[in-house]
Amino acid sequence: MGKRADDVAATRQRIVEAAVELHGSVGPSRTTVAGIAEAAGVTRLTVYRHFPDDETLFNACSAHWFGTQRPADPQRWREVPDPADRVRLGLADLYRFYRDGLPMLRHIHRDRAELPVAQQRRLDDTDTRNRDALLDAFGADDRRRAALVGHAVVFWTWHSLCVVQGLSEAEAVEAMVTLIMS
C-alpha cells in the first residue's frame, strides 16, 4: 500500500511540474491537458484523475511555483513609517519578485482572462494588498496618490518600465517614488 501511495504522489508531482513548466514557457491559455500528459509521461485520463478541473490543477501549479519563489513581503514594508521610504522598499521588493518570476508572471498576466475566476481574484487581491500596504503610510485619503500607487504595483507597469523601456529596477523605483511623492 505504501509503494502505491508513493507512486500516486510521484505521478501527481510530475503532472504539477509539467503544468508549471508549460505555464511558464507557453502560458496557461496555450497549455493543454494533452501537453501536460505528454510532458509528465502519463495519459490524459491520469491527469484528469488527479485534477478533475482546471482550477484544481491551476491551484496545485500555483502552490508549487510559489514554493520555489521569494514573493514580495508587504508586511515587512508596513514596518517602515516614512511614506517615501516605504514606497521605495516596497516597490524594490515587488519589482525584484517580478524580475525573478518574469517568464511565469508574463504568461499569467497575459492570459489573465482565461484563468479560473478564483485565480483572477487572487491577482486583483494581491495588487490591492500591495497598494494598501504602501498607501497606509500616507494616512490621508488621496485619490490621485492611490491611483499612482495602484499603477506602480501592477506587473505591467514594472514590465513596461524595466523590460520594454530598459530602465533598471532602481531607476523604475525612483521614477515611481518621485511621481507618487509629488
N, C-alpha and C. Protein backbone atom coordinates (compact mmCIF):
# COMPACT_ATOMS: atom_id res chain seq x y z
N MET A 1 0.81 -1.20 0.00
CA MET A 1 0.00 0.00 0.00
C MET A 1 0.86 1.27 0.00
N GLY A 2 1.97 1.26 0.74
CA GLY A 2 2.84 2.43 0.82
C GLY A 2 3.49 2.75 -0.51
N LYS A 3 3.91 1.71 -1.27
CA LYS A 3 4.53 1.93 -2.58
C LYS A 3 3.52 2.54 -3.54
N ARG A 4 2.28 2.06 -3.50
CA ARG A 4 1.24 2.60 -4.39
C ARG A 4 0.99 4.08 -4.07
N ALA A 5 0.92 4.40 -2.80
CA ALA A 5 0.72 5.80 -2.41
C ALA A 5 1.89 6.67 -2.87
N ASP A 6 3.12 6.14 -2.76
CA ASP A 6 4.30 6.87 -3.23
C ASP A 6 4.24 7.07 -4.74
N ASP A 7 3.80 6.03 -5.47
CA ASP A 7 3.68 6.13 -6.93
C ASP A 7 2.63 7.18 -7.32
N VAL A 8 1.50 7.19 -6.61
CA VAL A 8 0.44 8.15 -6.88
C VAL A 8 0.95 9.57 -6.62
N ALA A 9 1.65 9.75 -5.52
CA ALA A 9 2.19 11.08 -5.18
C ALA A 9 3.24 11.50 -6.21
N ALA A 10 4.08 10.57 -6.66
CA ALA A 10 5.10 10.90 -7.65
C ALA A 10 4.46 11.26 -8.99
N THR A 11 3.43 10.56 -9.36
CA THR A 11 2.72 10.87 -10.60
C THR A 11 2.08 12.24 -10.51
N ARG A 12 1.43 12.52 -9.41
CA ARG A 12 0.82 13.84 -9.21
C ARG A 12 1.88 14.93 -9.31
N GLN A 13 3.02 14.71 -8.68
CA GLN A 13 4.10 15.69 -8.71
C GLN A 13 4.61 15.92 -10.13
N ARG A 14 4.76 14.85 -10.91
CA ARG A 14 5.21 15.00 -12.31
C ARG A 14 4.20 15.82 -13.11
N ILE A 15 2.93 15.59 -12.86
CA ILE A 15 1.88 16.35 -13.57
C ILE A 15 1.97 17.83 -13.20
N VAL A 16 2.10 18.12 -11.92
CA VAL A 16 2.20 19.52 -11.47
C VAL A 16 3.43 20.18 -12.06
N GLU A 17 4.57 19.50 -12.02
CA GLU A 17 5.79 20.07 -12.56
C GLU A 17 5.68 20.31 -14.07
N ALA A 18 5.02 19.40 -14.78
CA ALA A 18 4.80 19.58 -16.22
C ALA A 18 3.91 20.80 -16.47
N ALA A 19 2.87 20.96 -15.66
CA ALA A 19 1.99 22.12 -15.82
C ALA A 19 2.74 23.41 -15.53
N VAL A 20 3.56 23.43 -14.49
CA VAL A 20 4.35 24.62 -14.17
C VAL A 20 5.28 24.96 -15.33
N GLU A 21 5.96 23.96 -15.86
CA GLU A 21 6.87 24.18 -16.99
C GLU A 21 6.13 24.76 -18.19
N LEU A 22 4.98 24.20 -18.53
CA LEU A 22 4.22 24.68 -19.68
C LEU A 22 3.62 26.06 -19.43
N HIS A 23 3.10 26.30 -18.23
CA HIS A 23 2.56 27.63 -17.92
C HIS A 23 3.66 28.69 -18.03
N GLY A 24 4.87 28.34 -17.61
CA GLY A 24 5.97 29.29 -17.67
C GLY A 24 6.58 29.46 -19.06
N SER A 25 6.41 28.46 -19.92
CA SER A 25 7.02 28.55 -21.25
C SER A 25 6.05 28.98 -22.34
N VAL A 26 4.80 28.51 -22.28
CA VAL A 26 3.83 28.89 -23.32
C VAL A 26 2.62 29.61 -22.75
N GLY A 27 2.43 29.52 -21.43
CA GLY A 27 1.31 30.19 -20.78
C GLY A 27 0.13 29.28 -20.57
N PRO A 28 -0.71 29.61 -19.60
CA PRO A 28 -1.87 28.78 -19.29
C PRO A 28 -2.84 28.63 -20.47
N SER A 29 -3.04 29.70 -21.24
CA SER A 29 -4.03 29.61 -22.32
C SER A 29 -3.57 28.69 -23.44
N ARG A 30 -2.28 28.44 -23.53
CA ARG A 30 -1.75 27.56 -24.59
C ARG A 30 -1.33 26.20 -24.06
N THR A 31 -1.57 25.98 -22.78
CA THR A 31 -1.27 24.69 -22.17
C THR A 31 -2.50 23.80 -22.28
N THR A 32 -2.30 22.61 -22.79
CA THR A 32 -3.40 21.65 -22.92
C THR A 32 -3.18 20.47 -21.98
N VAL A 33 -4.25 19.78 -21.68
CA VAL A 33 -4.14 18.57 -20.87
C VAL A 33 -3.28 17.55 -21.60
N ALA A 34 -3.44 17.46 -22.92
CA ALA A 34 -2.62 16.54 -23.71
C ALA A 34 -1.14 16.90 -23.59
N GLY A 35 -0.82 18.19 -23.62
CA GLY A 35 0.57 18.63 -23.48
C GLY A 35 1.12 18.32 -22.10
N ILE A 36 0.32 18.54 -21.07
CA ILE A 36 0.74 18.21 -19.70
C ILE A 36 0.97 16.72 -19.58
N ALA A 37 0.05 15.93 -20.10
CA ALA A 37 0.17 14.47 -20.03
C ALA A 37 1.45 14.01 -20.71
N GLU A 38 1.69 14.54 -21.90
CA GLU A 38 2.90 14.14 -22.63
C GLU A 38 4.16 14.51 -21.86
N ALA A 39 4.21 15.74 -21.34
CA ALA A 39 5.38 16.19 -20.60
C ALA A 39 5.58 15.40 -19.31
N ALA A 40 4.50 14.96 -18.71
CA ALA A 40 4.59 14.21 -17.45
C ALA A 40 4.76 12.71 -17.67
N GLY A 41 4.59 12.27 -18.93
CA GLY A 41 4.72 10.85 -19.23
C GLY A 41 3.55 10.02 -18.75
N VAL A 42 2.35 10.63 -18.80
CA VAL A 42 1.13 9.93 -18.37
C VAL A 42 0.06 10.11 -19.44
N THR A 43 -1.08 9.49 -19.25
CA THR A 43 -2.20 9.68 -20.17
C THR A 43 -3.04 10.88 -19.73
N ARG A 44 -3.85 11.37 -20.65
CA ARG A 44 -4.76 12.47 -20.31
C ARG A 44 -5.70 12.02 -19.18
N LEU A 45 -6.15 10.78 -19.23
CA LEU A 45 -7.04 10.26 -18.20
C LEU A 45 -6.38 10.34 -16.82
N THR A 46 -5.09 10.05 -16.76
CA THR A 46 -4.36 10.14 -15.49
C THR A 46 -4.34 11.58 -14.98
N VAL A 47 -4.14 12.52 -15.88
CA VAL A 47 -4.17 13.93 -15.48
C VAL A 47 -5.54 14.26 -14.88
N TYR A 48 -6.61 13.84 -15.57
CA TYR A 48 -7.97 14.12 -15.08
C TYR A 48 -8.27 13.41 -13.77
N ARG A 49 -7.70 12.23 -13.55
CA ARG A 49 -7.91 11.53 -12.27
C ARG A 49 -7.33 12.33 -11.11
N HIS A 50 -6.18 12.92 -11.35
CA HIS A 50 -5.54 13.70 -10.29
C HIS A 50 -6.11 15.11 -10.18
N PHE A 51 -6.52 15.67 -11.32
CA PHE A 51 -7.01 17.05 -11.36
C PHE A 51 -8.26 17.10 -12.21
N PRO A 52 -9.42 16.97 -11.60
CA PRO A 52 -10.67 16.86 -12.35
C PRO A 52 -11.11 18.14 -13.07
N ASP A 53 -10.53 19.29 -12.69
CA ASP A 53 -10.90 20.54 -13.37
C ASP A 53 -9.69 21.46 -13.42
N ASP A 54 -9.81 22.50 -14.23
CA ASP A 54 -8.71 23.46 -14.43
C ASP A 54 -8.31 24.15 -13.14
N GLU A 55 -9.30 24.48 -12.33
CA GLU A 55 -9.00 25.22 -11.11
C GLU A 55 -8.14 24.40 -10.15
N THR A 56 -8.45 23.13 -10.00
CA THR A 56 -7.67 22.26 -9.12
C THR A 56 -6.23 22.15 -9.61
N LEU A 57 -6.07 21.98 -10.91
CA LEU A 57 -4.73 21.89 -11.48
C LEU A 57 -4.00 23.22 -11.33
N PHE A 58 -4.69 24.31 -11.61
CA PHE A 58 -4.06 25.63 -11.52
C PHE A 58 -3.64 25.94 -10.09
N ASN A 59 -4.46 25.57 -9.12
CA ASN A 59 -4.11 25.82 -7.72
C ASN A 59 -2.87 25.03 -7.32
N ALA A 60 -2.79 23.77 -7.76
CA ALA A 60 -1.61 22.96 -7.45
C ALA A 60 -0.37 23.53 -8.14
N CYS A 61 -0.54 23.95 -9.38
CA CYS A 61 0.55 24.55 -10.14
C CYS A 61 1.04 25.82 -9.44
N SER A 62 0.11 26.68 -9.05
CA SER A 62 0.47 27.94 -8.38
C SER A 62 1.19 27.68 -7.06
N ALA A 63 0.66 26.75 -6.28
CA ALA A 63 1.28 26.44 -4.99
C ALA A 63 2.72 25.94 -5.19
N HIS A 64 2.89 25.08 -6.18
CA HIS A 64 4.23 24.55 -6.45
C HIS A 64 5.17 25.68 -6.88
N TRP A 65 4.72 26.51 -7.82
CA TRP A 65 5.58 27.58 -8.33
C TRP A 65 5.93 28.57 -7.22
N PHE A 66 4.92 28.99 -6.44
CA PHE A 66 5.19 29.94 -5.36
C PHE A 66 6.13 29.37 -4.32
N GLY A 67 6.10 28.04 -4.16
CA GLY A 67 7.01 27.40 -3.22
C GLY A 67 8.46 27.50 -3.65
N THR A 68 8.71 27.82 -4.91
CA THR A 68 10.07 27.96 -5.41
C THR A 68 10.50 29.43 -5.52
N GLN A 69 9.63 30.34 -5.13
CA GLN A 69 9.88 31.78 -5.28
C GLN A 69 10.08 32.45 -3.92
N ARG A 70 10.58 33.67 -3.98
CA ARG A 70 10.63 34.53 -2.79
C ARG A 70 9.70 35.70 -3.07
N PRO A 71 8.42 35.55 -2.71
CA PRO A 71 7.46 36.61 -3.02
C PRO A 71 7.75 37.91 -2.27
N ALA A 72 7.18 38.98 -2.79
CA ALA A 72 7.28 40.27 -2.10
C ALA A 72 6.58 40.15 -0.74
N ASP A 73 7.01 40.97 0.21
CA ASP A 73 6.51 40.86 1.59
C ASP A 73 5.93 42.18 2.09
N PRO A 74 4.64 42.43 1.77
CA PRO A 74 4.03 43.70 2.18
C PRO A 74 4.01 43.92 3.70
N GLN A 75 4.01 42.85 4.47
CA GLN A 75 4.04 43.02 5.94
C GLN A 75 5.34 43.68 6.36
N ARG A 76 6.43 43.32 5.72
CA ARG A 76 7.74 43.93 6.04
C ARG A 76 7.73 45.41 5.66
N TRP A 77 7.07 45.75 4.56
CA TRP A 77 7.00 47.15 4.13
C TRP A 77 6.33 48.00 5.19
N ARG A 78 5.28 47.44 5.82
CA ARG A 78 4.49 48.18 6.81
C ARG A 78 5.31 48.59 8.04
N GLU A 79 6.46 47.95 8.22
CA GLU A 79 7.32 48.29 9.36
C GLU A 79 8.06 49.61 9.15
N VAL A 80 8.02 50.13 7.93
CA VAL A 80 8.72 51.39 7.60
C VAL A 80 7.72 52.53 7.68
N PRO A 81 7.87 53.45 8.66
CA PRO A 81 6.87 54.51 8.85
C PRO A 81 6.92 55.63 7.81
N ASP A 82 8.11 55.96 7.30
CA ASP A 82 8.23 57.07 6.35
C ASP A 82 7.62 56.66 5.01
N PRO A 83 6.65 57.45 4.49
CA PRO A 83 5.97 57.07 3.25
C PRO A 83 6.91 56.86 2.05
N ALA A 84 7.84 57.77 1.82
CA ALA A 84 8.74 57.63 0.67
C ALA A 84 9.63 56.40 0.82
N ASP A 85 10.14 56.18 2.03
CA ASP A 85 10.99 55.01 2.28
C ASP A 85 10.20 53.71 2.12
N ARG A 86 8.94 53.73 2.56
CA ARG A 86 8.10 52.55 2.43
C ARG A 86 7.83 52.23 0.96
N VAL A 87 7.48 53.25 0.20
CA VAL A 87 7.23 53.04 -1.23
C VAL A 87 8.49 52.53 -1.91
N ARG A 88 9.63 53.11 -1.59
CA ARG A 88 10.91 52.70 -2.18
C ARG A 88 11.19 51.23 -1.84
N LEU A 89 11.07 50.86 -0.58
CA LEU A 89 11.32 49.47 -0.17
C LEU A 89 10.31 48.52 -0.82
N GLY A 90 9.05 48.89 -0.76
CA GLY A 90 8.00 48.02 -1.30
C GLY A 90 8.14 47.79 -2.79
N LEU A 91 8.36 48.86 -3.54
CA LEU A 91 8.49 48.69 -4.99
C LEU A 91 9.77 47.94 -5.35
N ALA A 92 10.84 48.18 -4.63
CA ALA A 92 12.08 47.42 -4.89
C ALA A 92 11.85 45.93 -4.65
N ASP A 93 11.17 45.60 -3.58
CA ASP A 93 10.87 44.21 -3.26
C ASP A 93 9.94 43.60 -4.32
N LEU A 94 8.92 44.33 -4.67
CA LEU A 94 7.95 43.86 -5.66
C LEU A 94 8.58 43.71 -7.04
N TYR A 95 9.35 44.69 -7.45
CA TYR A 95 9.98 44.63 -8.77
C TYR A 95 11.03 43.51 -8.83
N ARG A 96 11.71 43.23 -7.73
CA ARG A 96 12.63 42.09 -7.68
C ARG A 96 11.86 40.78 -7.91
N PHE A 97 10.69 40.66 -7.26
CA PHE A 97 9.86 39.46 -7.45
C PHE A 97 9.42 39.34 -8.90
N TYR A 98 9.00 40.43 -9.50
CA TYR A 98 8.58 40.40 -10.90
C TYR A 98 9.74 39.96 -11.80
N ARG A 99 10.93 40.48 -11.56
CA ARG A 99 12.10 40.09 -12.36
C ARG A 99 12.40 38.61 -12.18
N ASP A 100 12.43 38.16 -10.94
CA ASP A 100 12.76 36.76 -10.68
C ASP A 100 11.74 35.80 -11.29
N GLY A 101 10.49 36.21 -11.33
CA GLY A 101 9.44 35.34 -11.83
C GLY A 101 8.96 35.68 -13.24
N LEU A 102 9.76 36.47 -13.96
CA LEU A 102 9.31 37.02 -15.24
C LEU A 102 8.69 36.02 -16.21
N PRO A 103 9.31 34.90 -16.53
CA PRO A 103 8.69 34.03 -17.55
C PRO A 103 7.27 33.60 -17.16
N MET A 104 7.10 33.18 -15.93
CA MET A 104 5.79 32.72 -15.47
C MET A 104 4.82 33.90 -15.36
N LEU A 105 5.25 34.96 -14.72
CA LEU A 105 4.35 36.09 -14.48
C LEU A 105 3.90 36.75 -15.78
N ARG A 106 4.77 36.83 -16.75
CA ARG A 106 4.39 37.42 -18.04
C ARG A 106 3.25 36.61 -18.67
N HIS A 107 3.36 35.29 -18.63
CA HIS A 107 2.31 34.44 -19.20
C HIS A 107 1.02 34.48 -18.37
N ILE A 108 1.15 34.47 -17.07
CA ILE A 108 -0.03 34.51 -16.20
C ILE A 108 -0.81 35.81 -16.44
N HIS A 109 -0.11 36.92 -16.47
CA HIS A 109 -0.78 38.20 -16.66
C HIS A 109 -1.31 38.35 -18.09
N ARG A 110 -0.57 37.84 -19.06
CA ARG A 110 -1.06 37.90 -20.45
C ARG A 110 -2.35 37.09 -20.59
N ASP A 111 -2.41 35.93 -19.95
CA ASP A 111 -3.54 35.01 -20.09
C ASP A 111 -4.59 35.20 -19.01
N ARG A 112 -4.52 36.29 -18.28
CA ARG A 112 -5.40 36.52 -17.13
C ARG A 112 -6.86 36.22 -17.41
N ALA A 113 -7.38 36.64 -18.54
CA ALA A 113 -8.81 36.46 -18.85
C ALA A 113 -9.20 35.00 -18.97
N GLU A 114 -8.25 34.12 -19.25
CA GLU A 114 -8.55 32.69 -19.38
C GLU A 114 -8.32 31.92 -18.09
N LEU A 115 -7.81 32.57 -17.07
CA LEU A 115 -7.55 31.89 -15.80
C LEU A 115 -8.86 31.61 -15.08
N PRO A 116 -8.85 30.60 -14.19
CA PRO A 116 -10.04 30.42 -13.35
C PRO A 116 -10.36 31.71 -12.60
N VAL A 117 -11.65 31.98 -12.41
CA VAL A 117 -12.09 33.22 -11.78
C VAL A 117 -11.44 33.42 -10.42
N ALA A 118 -11.32 32.36 -9.65
CA ALA A 118 -10.69 32.50 -8.32
C ALA A 118 -9.24 32.97 -8.45
N GLN A 119 -8.56 32.53 -9.48
CA GLN A 119 -7.18 32.95 -9.69
C GLN A 119 -7.12 34.42 -10.13
N GLN A 120 -8.06 34.84 -10.95
CA GLN A 120 -8.14 36.25 -11.34
C GLN A 120 -8.35 37.13 -10.10
N ARG A 121 -9.22 36.67 -9.22
CA ARG A 121 -9.47 37.42 -7.98
C ARG A 121 -8.22 37.50 -7.12
N ARG A 122 -7.45 36.39 -7.06
CA ARG A 122 -6.21 36.41 -6.28
C ARG A 122 -5.23 37.44 -6.82
N LEU A 123 -5.13 37.53 -8.14
CA LEU A 123 -4.25 38.54 -8.73
C LEU A 123 -4.69 39.95 -8.34
N ASP A 124 -5.99 40.21 -8.45
CA ASP A 124 -6.52 41.52 -8.06
C ASP A 124 -6.30 41.78 -6.58
N ASP A 125 -6.56 40.78 -5.74
CA ASP A 125 -6.40 40.93 -4.29
C ASP A 125 -4.94 41.22 -3.93
N THR A 126 -4.02 40.57 -4.63
CA THR A 126 -2.60 40.80 -4.36
C THR A 126 -2.22 42.23 -4.71
N ASP A 127 -2.66 42.71 -5.86
CA ASP A 127 -2.38 44.11 -6.21
C ASP A 127 -2.98 45.07 -5.19
N THR A 128 -4.20 44.81 -4.74
CA THR A 128 -4.86 45.66 -3.74
C THR A 128 -4.10 45.62 -2.42
N ARG A 129 -3.70 44.44 -1.99
CA ARG A 129 -2.96 44.29 -0.73
C ARG A 129 -1.62 45.05 -0.82
N ASN A 130 -0.94 44.92 -1.95
CA ASN A 130 0.34 45.63 -2.12
C ASN A 130 0.12 47.15 -2.13
N ARG A 131 -0.90 47.61 -2.85
CA ARG A 131 -1.20 49.04 -2.90
C ARG A 131 -1.50 49.57 -1.49
N ASP A 132 -2.37 48.86 -0.78
CA ASP A 132 -2.78 49.31 0.55
C ASP A 132 -1.62 49.32 1.55
N ALA A 133 -0.71 48.36 1.42
CA ALA A 133 0.44 48.34 2.33
C ALA A 133 1.32 49.57 2.12
N LEU A 134 1.37 50.07 0.90
CA LEU A 134 2.15 51.28 0.65
C LEU A 134 1.37 52.54 1.01
N LEU A 135 0.09 52.55 0.71
CA LEU A 135 -0.74 53.73 0.98
C LEU A 135 -0.94 53.99 2.47
N ASP A 136 -0.94 52.95 3.28
CA ASP A 136 -1.17 53.11 4.73
C ASP A 136 -0.20 54.10 5.36
N ALA A 137 0.97 54.25 4.78
CA ALA A 137 1.97 55.16 5.37
C ALA A 137 1.58 56.62 5.21
N PHE A 138 0.67 56.93 4.27
CA PHE A 138 0.33 58.32 3.97
C PHE A 138 -0.76 58.88 4.87
N GLY A 139 -1.56 58.02 5.45
CA GLY A 139 -2.61 58.48 6.35
C GLY A 139 -3.82 59.05 5.63
N ALA A 140 -3.70 60.21 5.05
CA ALA A 140 -4.84 60.89 4.43
C ALA A 140 -5.29 60.18 3.16
N ASP A 141 -6.58 60.26 2.92
CA ASP A 141 -7.17 59.69 1.71
C ASP A 141 -6.89 60.63 0.54
N ASP A 142 -6.19 60.14 -0.46
CA ASP A 142 -5.83 60.96 -1.62
C ASP A 142 -6.03 60.10 -2.87
N ARG A 143 -7.08 60.41 -3.62
CA ARG A 143 -7.45 59.61 -4.79
C ARG A 143 -6.32 59.54 -5.82
N ARG A 144 -5.68 60.65 -6.08
CA ARG A 144 -4.59 60.70 -7.06
C ARG A 144 -3.44 59.80 -6.62
N ARG A 145 -3.03 59.93 -5.36
CA ARG A 145 -1.92 59.12 -4.86
C ARG A 145 -2.31 57.64 -4.88
N ALA A 146 -3.53 57.32 -4.50
CA ALA A 146 -3.98 55.92 -4.53
C ALA A 146 -3.89 55.36 -5.95
N ALA A 147 -4.27 56.17 -6.93
CA ALA A 147 -4.20 55.73 -8.32
C ALA A 147 -2.74 55.51 -8.75
N LEU A 148 -1.87 56.41 -8.36
CA LEU A 148 -0.46 56.28 -8.74
C LEU A 148 0.19 55.06 -8.08
N VAL A 149 -0.08 54.86 -6.79
CA VAL A 149 0.47 53.69 -6.10
C VAL A 149 -0.13 52.42 -6.71
N GLY A 150 -1.44 52.44 -6.98
CA GLY A 150 -2.08 51.28 -7.61
C GLY A 150 -1.44 50.96 -8.96
N HIS A 151 -1.11 51.99 -9.71
CA HIS A 151 -0.44 51.80 -11.01
C HIS A 151 0.98 51.26 -10.81
N ALA A 152 1.67 51.76 -9.82
CA ALA A 152 3.07 51.37 -9.60
C ALA A 152 3.23 49.91 -9.22
N VAL A 153 2.23 49.33 -8.55
CA VAL A 153 2.39 47.95 -8.05
C VAL A 153 2.03 46.87 -9.06
N VAL A 154 1.39 47.22 -10.17
CA VAL A 154 0.97 46.18 -11.09
C VAL A 154 2.14 45.68 -11.93
N PHE A 155 2.09 44.42 -12.28
CA PHE A 155 3.14 43.77 -13.06
C PHE A 155 3.44 44.53 -14.35
N TRP A 156 2.40 44.92 -15.08
CA TRP A 156 2.63 45.54 -16.39
C TRP A 156 3.32 46.89 -16.30
N THR A 157 3.21 47.59 -15.18
CA THR A 157 3.95 48.84 -15.01
C THR A 157 5.44 48.53 -14.94
N TRP A 158 5.80 47.57 -14.08
CA TRP A 158 7.20 47.16 -13.99
C TRP A 158 7.69 46.68 -15.36
N HIS A 159 6.91 45.85 -16.03
CA HIS A 159 7.30 45.30 -17.32
C HIS A 159 7.56 46.42 -18.33
N SER A 160 6.67 47.39 -18.37
CA SER A 160 6.85 48.49 -19.30
C SER A 160 8.12 49.28 -18.98
N LEU A 161 8.31 49.64 -17.74
CA LEU A 161 9.46 50.45 -17.36
C LEU A 161 10.79 49.72 -17.51
N CYS A 162 10.84 48.47 -17.05
CA CYS A 162 12.12 47.76 -16.99
C CYS A 162 12.41 46.89 -18.22
N VAL A 163 11.41 46.20 -18.70
CA VAL A 163 11.64 45.29 -19.83
C VAL A 163 11.53 46.04 -21.16
N VAL A 164 10.44 46.78 -21.34
CA VAL A 164 10.22 47.45 -22.62
C VAL A 164 11.08 48.71 -22.75
N GLN A 165 11.07 49.57 -21.72
CA GLN A 165 11.78 50.85 -21.81
C GLN A 165 13.24 50.77 -21.36
N GLY A 166 13.63 49.68 -20.71
CA GLY A 166 15.02 49.46 -20.37
C GLY A 166 15.55 50.14 -19.13
N LEU A 167 14.65 50.65 -18.28
CA LEU A 167 15.14 51.22 -17.02
C LEU A 167 15.63 50.10 -16.11
N SER A 168 16.60 50.42 -15.27
CA SER A 168 16.99 49.47 -14.22
C SER A 168 15.86 49.46 -13.19
N GLU A 169 15.84 48.45 -12.36
CA GLU A 169 14.81 48.43 -11.31
C GLU A 169 14.96 49.64 -10.39
N ALA A 170 16.18 50.00 -10.06
CA ALA A 170 16.40 51.16 -9.19
C ALA A 170 15.86 52.43 -9.84
N GLU A 171 16.09 52.59 -11.14
CA GLU A 171 15.57 53.76 -11.85
C GLU A 171 14.05 53.76 -11.88
N ALA A 172 13.45 52.59 -12.10
CA ALA A 172 11.99 52.49 -12.13
C ALA A 172 11.40 52.81 -10.76
N VAL A 173 12.03 52.29 -9.71
CA VAL A 173 11.55 52.57 -8.36
C VAL A 173 11.63 54.07 -8.09
N GLU A 174 12.76 54.70 -8.39
CA GLU A 174 12.91 56.13 -8.12
C GLU A 174 11.93 56.96 -8.94
N ALA A 175 11.68 56.56 -10.17
CA ALA A 175 10.69 57.29 -11.00
C ALA A 175 9.31 57.21 -10.36
N MET A 176 8.94 56.05 -9.90
CA MET A 176 7.62 55.88 -9.28
C MET A 176 7.54 56.62 -7.94
N VAL A 177 8.60 56.56 -7.15
CA VAL A 177 8.62 57.29 -5.87
C VAL A 177 8.47 58.79 -6.13
N THR A 178 9.20 59.31 -7.11
CA THR A 178 9.12 60.73 -7.44
C THR A 178 7.69 61.10 -7.86
N LEU A 179 7.09 60.30 -8.70
CA LEU A 179 5.73 60.57 -9.16
C LEU A 179 4.73 60.50 -8.01
N ILE A 180 4.84 59.48 -7.19
CA ILE A 180 3.90 59.28 -6.07
C ILE A 180 4.05 60.38 -5.02
N MET A 181 5.26 60.82 -4.78
CA MET A 181 5.52 61.81 -3.73
C MET A 181 5.27 63.24 -4.20
N SER A 182 5.09 63.45 -5.49
CA SER A 182 4.92 64.82 -5.99
C SER A 182 3.54 65.37 -5.68
